[in-house]
Amino acid sequence: MLNATMPAPHAPTAADALDDHALVRAAVGGDMQAYERIYRRHSPRVYAVLWRLCGGQAARAEDALQEAFLQAWKALPGFRFDSSLGTWLHRLGVNAALMELRANATGDARDAGEEGWESLATLPAQDRCAGTSMDLERALETLPPRARAVLVLHDIEGWKHQEIATQLQMAVGSSKAQLHRARGLLRARLGETA
């Protein structure tokens, strides 16, 4: 259930990987059109995860995307293709979004723990029941930022708890607890029973 405002990610093909090598070489050589092609090819997939990490806030996701591609431009001459270009750009984007989340976490009351449950109570009953117009994307948006980040990184992006703990500067046990919390909140918001 993708939100209409979020572009569907482009699945990279083998031809894209071959093209990526040539595009990186051209971009490193100063060809701005090559870098623009890299951006157009990979930004939808990166944006999709950033949009989720940022709770559906397009402006924050766009800021993180811009930061990621600025970092990529600066680091591109040192890129060695140890991983695919798409994977590298994806990681840069996630790191940019996580830095944004960390920067805002200290003043974010939603991360205190109780507001997640309080905001659920303010939703109309029909939005808390299964089979309503509330979809998974909207439910993700309502999660506290750290719980949402752990859920997106673990369940959607396939990260291990150790990776999440390192990126979010938390203990592995905290990552597991946040994932459990996020899943419980999602079940409640979607009207499912545990």
C-alpha atoms as a PDB file:
ATOM      1  CA  MET A   1       0.000   0.000   0.000  1.00  0.00           C
ATOM      2  CA  LEU A   2       2.115   2.880  -1.219  1.00  0.00           C
ATOM      3  CA  ASN A   3       1.070   6.439  -0.671  1.00  0.00           C
ATOM      4  CA  ALA A   4       0.265   8.237  -3.897  1.00  0.00           C
ATOM      5  CA  THR A   5       2.733  11.011  -3.012  1.00  0.00           C
ATOM      6  CA  MET A   6       5.624   8.579  -2.790  1.00  0.00           C
ATOM      7  CA  PRO A   7       7.164   7.415  -6.074  1.00  0.00           C
ATOM      8  CA  ALA A   8       7.474   3.680  -6.626  1.00  0.00           C
ATOM      9  CA  PRO A   9      11.138   2.676  -6.460  1.00  0.00           C
ATOM     10  CA  HIS A  10      12.879   1.605  -9.662  1.00  0.00           C
ATOM     11  CA  ALA A  11      14.258  -1.944  -9.478  1.00  0.00           C
ATOM     12  CA  PRO A  12      17.851  -1.900 -10.783  1.00  0.00           C
ATOM     13  CA  THR A  13      18.669  -4.249 -13.652  1.00  0.00           C
ATOM     14  CA  ALA A  14      21.950  -5.821 -14.770  1.00  0.00           C
ATOM     15  CA  ALA A  15      22.149  -3.206 -17.540  1.00  0.00           C
ATOM     16  CA  ASP A  16      21.874  -0.487 -14.899  1.00  0.00           C
ATOM     17  CA  ALA A  17      24.882  -1.913 -13.045  1.00  0.00           C
ATOM     18  CA  LEU A  18      26.945  -1.902 -16.229  1.00  0.00           C
ATOM     19  CA  ASP A  19      25.785   1.610 -16.974  1.00  0.00           C
ATOM     20  CA  ASP A  20      26.583   2.709 -13.410  1.00  0.00           C
ATOM     21  CA  HIS A  21      30.291   1.989 -13.917  1.00  0.00           C
ATOM     22  CA  ALA A  22      30.395   4.167 -17.022  1.00  0.00           C
ATOM     23  CA  LEU A  23      28.274   6.888 -15.427  1.00  0.00           C
ATOM     24  CA  VAL A  24      30.489   7.035 -12.335  1.00  0.00           C
ATOM     25  CA  ARG A  25      33.621   7.318 -14.467  1.00  0.00           C
ATOM     26  CA  ALA A  26      32.013  10.083 -16.539  1.00  0.00           C
ATOM     27  CA  ALA A  27      30.729  11.940 -13.464  1.00  0.00           C
ATOM     28  CA  VAL A  28      34.141  11.757 -11.782  1.00  0.00           C
ATOM     29  CA  GLY A  29      35.535  13.223 -14.991  1.00  0.00           C
ATOM     30  CA  GLY A  30      33.217  16.220 -14.584  1.00  0.00           C
ATOM     31  CA  ASP A  31      30.252  15.165 -16.726  1.00  0.00           C
ATOM     32  CA  MET A  32      27.278  16.691 -14.885  1.00  0.00           C
ATOM     33  CA  GLN A  33      24.780  14.958 -17.184  1.00  0.00           C
ATOM     34  CA  ALA A  34      26.190  11.596 -16.110  1.00  0.00           C
ATOM     35  CA  TYR A  35      25.670  12.510 -12.465  1.00  0.00           C
ATOM     36  CA  GLU A  36      22.151  13.690 -13.272  1.00  0.00           C
ATOM     37  CA  ARG A  37      21.455  10.265 -14.829  1.00  0.00           C
ATOM     38  CA  ILE A  38      22.777   8.595 -11.670  1.00  0.00           C
ATOM     39  CA  TYR A  39      20.449  10.790  -9.638  1.00  0.00           C
ATOM     40  CA  ARG A  40      17.408  10.105 -11.823  1.00  0.00           C
ATOM     41  CA  ARG A  41      18.079   6.373 -11.796  1.00  0.00           C
ATOM     42  CA  HIS A  42      18.645   5.923  -8.061  1.00  0.00           C
ATOM     43  CA  SER A  43      16.816   8.755  -6.291  1.00  0.00           C
ATOM     44  CA  PRO A  44      13.309   7.193  -6.382  1.00  0.00           C
ATOM     45  CA  ARG A  45      14.436   4.084  -4.484  1.00  0.00           C
ATOM     46  CA  VAL A  46      16.450   6.103  -1.978  1.00  0.00           C
ATOM     47  CA  TYR A  47      13.599   8.578  -1.538  1.00  0.00           C
ATOM     48  CA  ALA A  48      11.122   5.768  -0.839  1.00  0.00           C
ATOM     49  CA  VAL A  49      13.008   4.609   2.250  1.00  0.00           C
ATOM     50  CA  LEU A  50      13.768   8.170   3.375  1.00  0.00           C
ATOM     51  CA  TRP A  51      10.090   9.052   3.110  1.00  0.00           C
ATOM     52  CA  ARG A  52       9.264   6.189   5.458  1.00  0.00           C
ATOM     53  CA  LEU A  53      12.098   6.994   7.860  1.00  0.00           C
ATOM     54  CA  CYS A  54      10.940  10.619   7.991  1.00  0.00           C
ATOM     55  CA  GLY A  55       7.380   9.607   8.825  1.00  0.00           C
ATOM     56  CA  GLY A  56       5.900  10.594   5.495  1.00  0.00           C
ATOM     57  CA  GLN A  57       7.217  14.146   5.782  1.00  0.00           C
ATOM     58  CA  ALA A  58       8.191  14.898   2.208  1.00  0.00           C
ATOM     59  CA  ALA A  59      10.258  17.991   3.032  1.00  0.00           C
ATOM     60  CA  ARG A  60      12.424  16.098   5.518  1.00  0.00           C
ATOM     61  CA  ALA A  61      12.826  13.179   3.112  1.00  0.00           C
ATOM     62  CA  GLU A  62      13.804  15.566   0.306  1.00  0.00           C
ATOM     63  CA  ASP A  63      16.346  17.283   2.576  1.00  0.00           C
ATOM     64  CA  ALA A  64      17.892  13.923   3.475  1.00  0.00           C
ATOM     65  CA  LEU A  65      17.908  12.915  -0.204  1.00  0.00           C
ATOM     66  CA  GLN A  66      19.650  16.145  -1.165  1.00  0.00           C
ATOM     67  CA  GLU A  67      22.217  15.681   1.605  1.00  0.00           C
ATOM     68  CA  ALA A  68      22.870  12.097   0.517  1.00  0.00           C
ATOM     69  CA  PHE A  69      23.470  13.050  -3.102  1.00  0.00           C
ATOM     70  CA  LEU A  70      25.705  15.955  -2.073  1.00  0.00           C
ATOM     71  CA  GLN A  71      27.764  13.532   0.004  1.00  0.00           C
ATOM     72  CA  ALA A  72      27.805  11.118  -2.917  1.00  0.00           C
ATOM     73  CA  TRP A  73      29.081  13.808  -5.284  1.00  0.00           C
ATOM     74  CA  LYS A  74      31.945  14.624  -2.911  1.00  0.00           C
ATOM     75  CA  ALA A  75      32.824  10.966  -2.298  1.00  0.00           C
ATOM     76  CA  LEU A  76      32.259   9.660  -5.830  1.00  0.00           C
ATOM     77  CA  PRO A  77      35.951   9.809  -6.862  1.00  0.00           C
ATOM     78  CA  GLY A  78      36.732   7.320  -4.077  1.00  0.00           C
ATOM     79  CA  PHE A  79      33.862   4.942  -4.862  1.00  0.00           C
ATOM     80  CA  ARG A  80      35.364   1.501  -5.628  1.00  0.00           C
ATOM     81  CA  PHE A  81      32.264  -0.596  -6.458  1.00  0.00           C
ATOM     82  CA  ASP A  82      32.781  -2.880  -3.434  1.00  0.00           C
ATOM     83  CA  SER A  83      28.986  -2.773  -3.406  1.00  0.00           C
ATOM     84  CA  SER A  84      26.600  -1.627  -6.102  1.00  0.00           C
ATOM     85  CA  LEU A  85      26.228   2.094  -6.643  1.00  0.00           C
ATOM     86  CA  GLY A  86      22.552   1.830  -5.692  1.00  0.00           C
ATOM     87  CA  THR A  87      23.393   0.146  -2.385  1.00  0.00           C
ATOM     88  CA  TRP A  88      26.004   2.790  -1.595  1.00  0.00           C
ATOM     89  CA  LEU A  89      23.606   5.650  -2.403  1.00  0.00           C
ATOM     90  CA  HIS A  90      20.878   3.939  -0.399  1.00  0.00           C
ATOM     91  CA  ARG A  91      23.191   3.720   2.637  1.00  0.00           C
ATOM     92  CA  LEU A  92      24.185   7.383   2.289  1.00  0.00           C
ATOM     93  CA  GLY A  93      20.504   8.329   2.215  1.00  0.00           C
ATOM     94  CA  VAL A  94      19.635   6.250   5.259  1.00  0.00           C
ATOM     95  CA  ASN A  95      22.584   7.735   7.143  1.00  0.00           C
ATOM     96  CA  ALA A  96      21.447  11.268   6.249  1.00  0.00           C
ATOM     97  CA  ALA A  97      17.909  10.543   7.462  1.00  0.00           C
ATOM     98  CA  LEU A  98      19.173   8.935  10.665  1.00  0.00           C
ATOM     99  CA  MET A  99      21.383  11.941  11.390  1.00  0.00           C
ATOM    100  CA  GLU A 100      18.298  14.119  10.989  1.00  0.00           C
ATOM    101  CA  LEU A 101      16.351  11.863  13.360  1.00  0.00           C
ATOM    102  CA  ARG A 102      19.166  11.937  15.928  1.00  0.00           C
ATOM    103  CA  ALA A 103      19.417  15.725  15.692  1.00  0.00           C
ATOM    104  CA  ASN A 104      15.706  16.102  16.368  1.00  0.00           C
ATOM    105  CA  ALA A 105      15.375  13.246  18.873  1.00  0.00           C
ATOM    106  CA  THR A 106      16.416  15.287  21.906  1.00  0.00           C
ATOM    107  CA  GLY A 107      13.522  17.692  21.541  1.00  0.00           C
ATOM    108  CA  ASP A 108      11.002  15.226  20.161  1.00  0.00           C
ATOM    109  CA  ALA A 109       8.318  14.551  22.740  1.00  0.00           C
ATOM    110  CA  ARG A 110       6.897  11.716  20.642  1.00  0.00           C
ATOM    111  CA  ASP A 111       9.957   9.656  21.539  1.00  0.00           C
ATOM    112  CA  ALA A 112       9.146   9.840  25.243  1.00  0.00           C
ATOM    113  CA  GLY A 113       6.971   6.768  24.918  1.00  0.00           C
ATOM    114  CA  GLU A 114       3.474   7.685  26.036  1.00  0.00           C
ATOM    115  CA  GLU A 115       2.402   9.951  23.205  1.00  0.00           C
ATOM    116  CA  GLY A 116       2.362   7.026  20.764  1.00  0.00           C
ATOM    117  CA  TRP A 117      -0.482   5.512  22.749  1.00  0.00           C
ATOM    118  CA  GLU A 118      -2.154   8.864  23.396  1.00  0.00           C
ATOM    119  CA  SER A 119      -2.188   9.743  19.686  1.00  0.00           C
ATOM    120  CA  LEU A 120      -3.826   6.403  18.987  1.00  0.00           C
ATOM    121  CA  ALA A 121      -6.682   7.337  21.294  1.00  0.00           C
ATOM    122  CA  THR A 122      -7.262  10.561  19.351  1.00  0.00           C
ATOM    123  CA  LEU A 123      -7.756   8.716  16.060  1.00  0.00           C
ATOM    124  CA  PRO A 124     -11.390   8.142  15.111  1.00  0.00           C
ATOM    125  CA  ALA A 125     -12.515   4.576  15.806  1.00  0.00           C
ATOM    126  CA  GLN A 126     -12.954   3.828  12.112  1.00  0.00           C
ATOM    127  CA  ASP A 127      -9.268   4.705  11.557  1.00  0.00           C
ATOM    128  CA  ARG A 128      -8.199   2.230  14.235  1.00  0.00           C
ATOM    129  CA  CYS A 129     -10.117  -0.695  12.783  1.00  0.00           C
ATOM    130  CA  ALA A 130      -8.990  -3.122  10.125  1.00  0.00           C
ATOM    131  CA  GLY A 131     -10.555  -2.597   6.725  1.00  0.00           C
ATOM    132  CA  THR A 132     -10.690   1.197   6.915  1.00  0.00           C
ATOM    133  CA  SER A 133      -8.924   3.791   4.820  1.00  0.00           C
ATOM    134  CA  MET A 134      -5.942   3.879   7.180  1.00  0.00           C
ATOM    135  CA  ASP A 135      -3.162   2.048   5.386  1.00  0.00           C
ATOM    136  CA  LEU A 136       0.244   0.884   6.469  1.00  0.00           C
ATOM    137  CA  GLU A 137       2.015   4.032   5.267  1.00  0.00           C
ATOM    138  CA  ARG A 138      -0.242   6.273   7.327  1.00  0.00           C
ATOM    139  CA  ALA A 139       0.223   4.021  10.348  1.00  0.00           C
ATOM    140  CA  LEU A 140       4.002   4.211   9.929  1.00  0.00           C
ATOM    141  CA  GLU A 141       3.791   8.008   9.937  1.00  0.00           C
ATOM    142  CA  THR A 142       2.218   7.977  13.397  1.00  0.00           C
ATOM    143  CA  LEU A 143       4.972   5.938  15.055  1.00  0.00           C
ATOM    144  CA  PRO A 144       7.514   7.639  17.328  1.00  0.00           C
ATOM    145  CA  PRO A 145      10.639   8.455  15.259  1.00  0.00           C
ATOM    146  CA  ARG A 146      13.077   5.949  16.795  1.00  0.00           C
ATOM    147  CA  ALA A 147      10.548   3.112  16.786  1.00  0.00           C
ATOM    148  CA  ARG A 148       9.681   3.937  13.150  1.00  0.00           C
ATOM    149  CA  ALA A 149      13.378   4.031  12.191  1.00  0.00           C
ATOM    150  CA  VAL A 150      14.060   0.631  13.757  1.00  0.00           C
ATOM    151  CA  LEU A 151      10.975  -0.917  12.136  1.00  0.00           C
ATOM    152  CA  VAL A 152      11.754   0.473   8.671  1.00  0.00           C
ATOM    153  CA  LEU A 153      15.420  -0.499   8.831  1.00  0.00           C
ATOM    154  CA  HIS A 154      14.785  -3.992  10.211  1.00  0.00           C
ATOM    155  CA  ASP A 155      11.525  -5.113   8.620  1.00  0.00           C
ATOM    156  CA  ILE A 156      11.587  -3.202   5.334  1.00  0.00           C
ATOM    157  CA  GLU A 157      15.289  -2.691   4.605  1.00  0.00           C
ATOM    158  CA  GLY A 158      16.547  -5.943   6.146  1.00  0.00           C
ATOM    159  CA  TRP A 159      19.171  -4.499   8.490  1.00  0.00           C
ATOM    160  CA  LYS A 160      20.433  -6.536  11.462  1.00  0.00           C
ATOM    161  CA  HIS A 161      19.909  -5.235  15.002  1.00  0.00           C
ATOM    162  CA  GLN A 162      23.670  -4.676  15.397  1.00  0.00           C
ATOM    163  CA  GLU A 163      23.716  -2.373  12.346  1.00  0.00           C
ATOM    164  CA  ILE A 164      20.668  -0.488  13.591  1.00  0.00           C
ATOM    165  CA  ALA A 165      22.136  -0.143  17.074  1.00  0.00           C
ATOM    166  CA  THR A 166      25.360   1.271  15.656  1.00  0.00           C
ATOM    167  CA  GLN A 167      23.592   3.759  13.375  1.00  0.00           C
ATOM    168  CA  LEU A 168      21.083   4.928  15.979  1.00  0.00           C
ATOM    169  CA  GLN A 169      23.641   4.887  18.809  1.00  0.00           C
ATOM    170  CA  MET A 170      21.668   2.521  21.020  1.00  0.00           C
ATOM    171  CA  ALA A 171      22.167  -0.913  22.534  1.00  0.00           C
ATOM    172  CA  VAL A 172      21.183  -3.974  20.524  1.00  0.00           C
ATOM    173  CA  GLY A 173      18.587  -4.749  23.197  1.00  0.00           C
ATOM    174  CA  SER A 174      17.105  -1.279  22.743  1.00  0.00           C
ATOM    175  CA  SER A 175      16.828  -1.883  19.011  1.00  0.00           C
ATOM    176  CA  LYS A 176      14.938  -5.111  19.673  1.00  0.00           C
ATOM    177  CA  ALA A 177      12.691  -3.394  22.219  1.00  0.00           C
ATOM    178  CA  GLN A 178      11.950  -0.514  19.817  1.00  0.00           C
ATOM    179  CA  LEU A 179      11.072  -3.017  17.083  1.00  0.00           C
ATOM    180  CA  HIS A 180       8.699  -4.849  19.422  1.00  0.00           C
ATOM    181  CA  ARG A 181       7.164  -1.518  20.447  1.00  0.00           C
ATOM    182  CA  ALA A 182       6.770  -0.368  16.830  1.00  0.00           C
ATOM    183  CA  ARG A 183       5.113  -3.615  15.783  1.00  0.00           C
ATOM    184  CA  GLY A 184       2.704  -3.408  18.714  1.00  0.00           C
ATOM    185  CA  LEU A 185       1.797   0.184  17.892  1.00  0.00           C
ATOM    186  CA  LEU A 186       1.261  -0.734  14.234  1.00  0.00           C
ATOM    187  CA  ARG A 187      -0.992  -3.640  15.179  1.00  0.00           C
ATOM    188  CA  ALA A 188      -3.020  -1.343  17.425  1.00  0.00           C
ATOM    189  CA  ARG A 189      -3.281   1.366  14.776  1.00  0.00           C
ATOM    190  CA  LEU A 190      -4.341  -1.121  12.125  1.00  0.00           C
ATOM    191  CA  GLY A 191      -6.881  -2.728  14.423  1.00  0.00           C
ATOM    192  CA  GLU A 192      -5.194  -6.126  14.563  1.00  0.00           C
ATOM    193  CA  THR A 193      -5.049  -8.306  17.630  1.00  0.00           C
ATOM    194  CA  ALA A 194      -1.709  -9.643  18.783  1.00  0.00           C
END
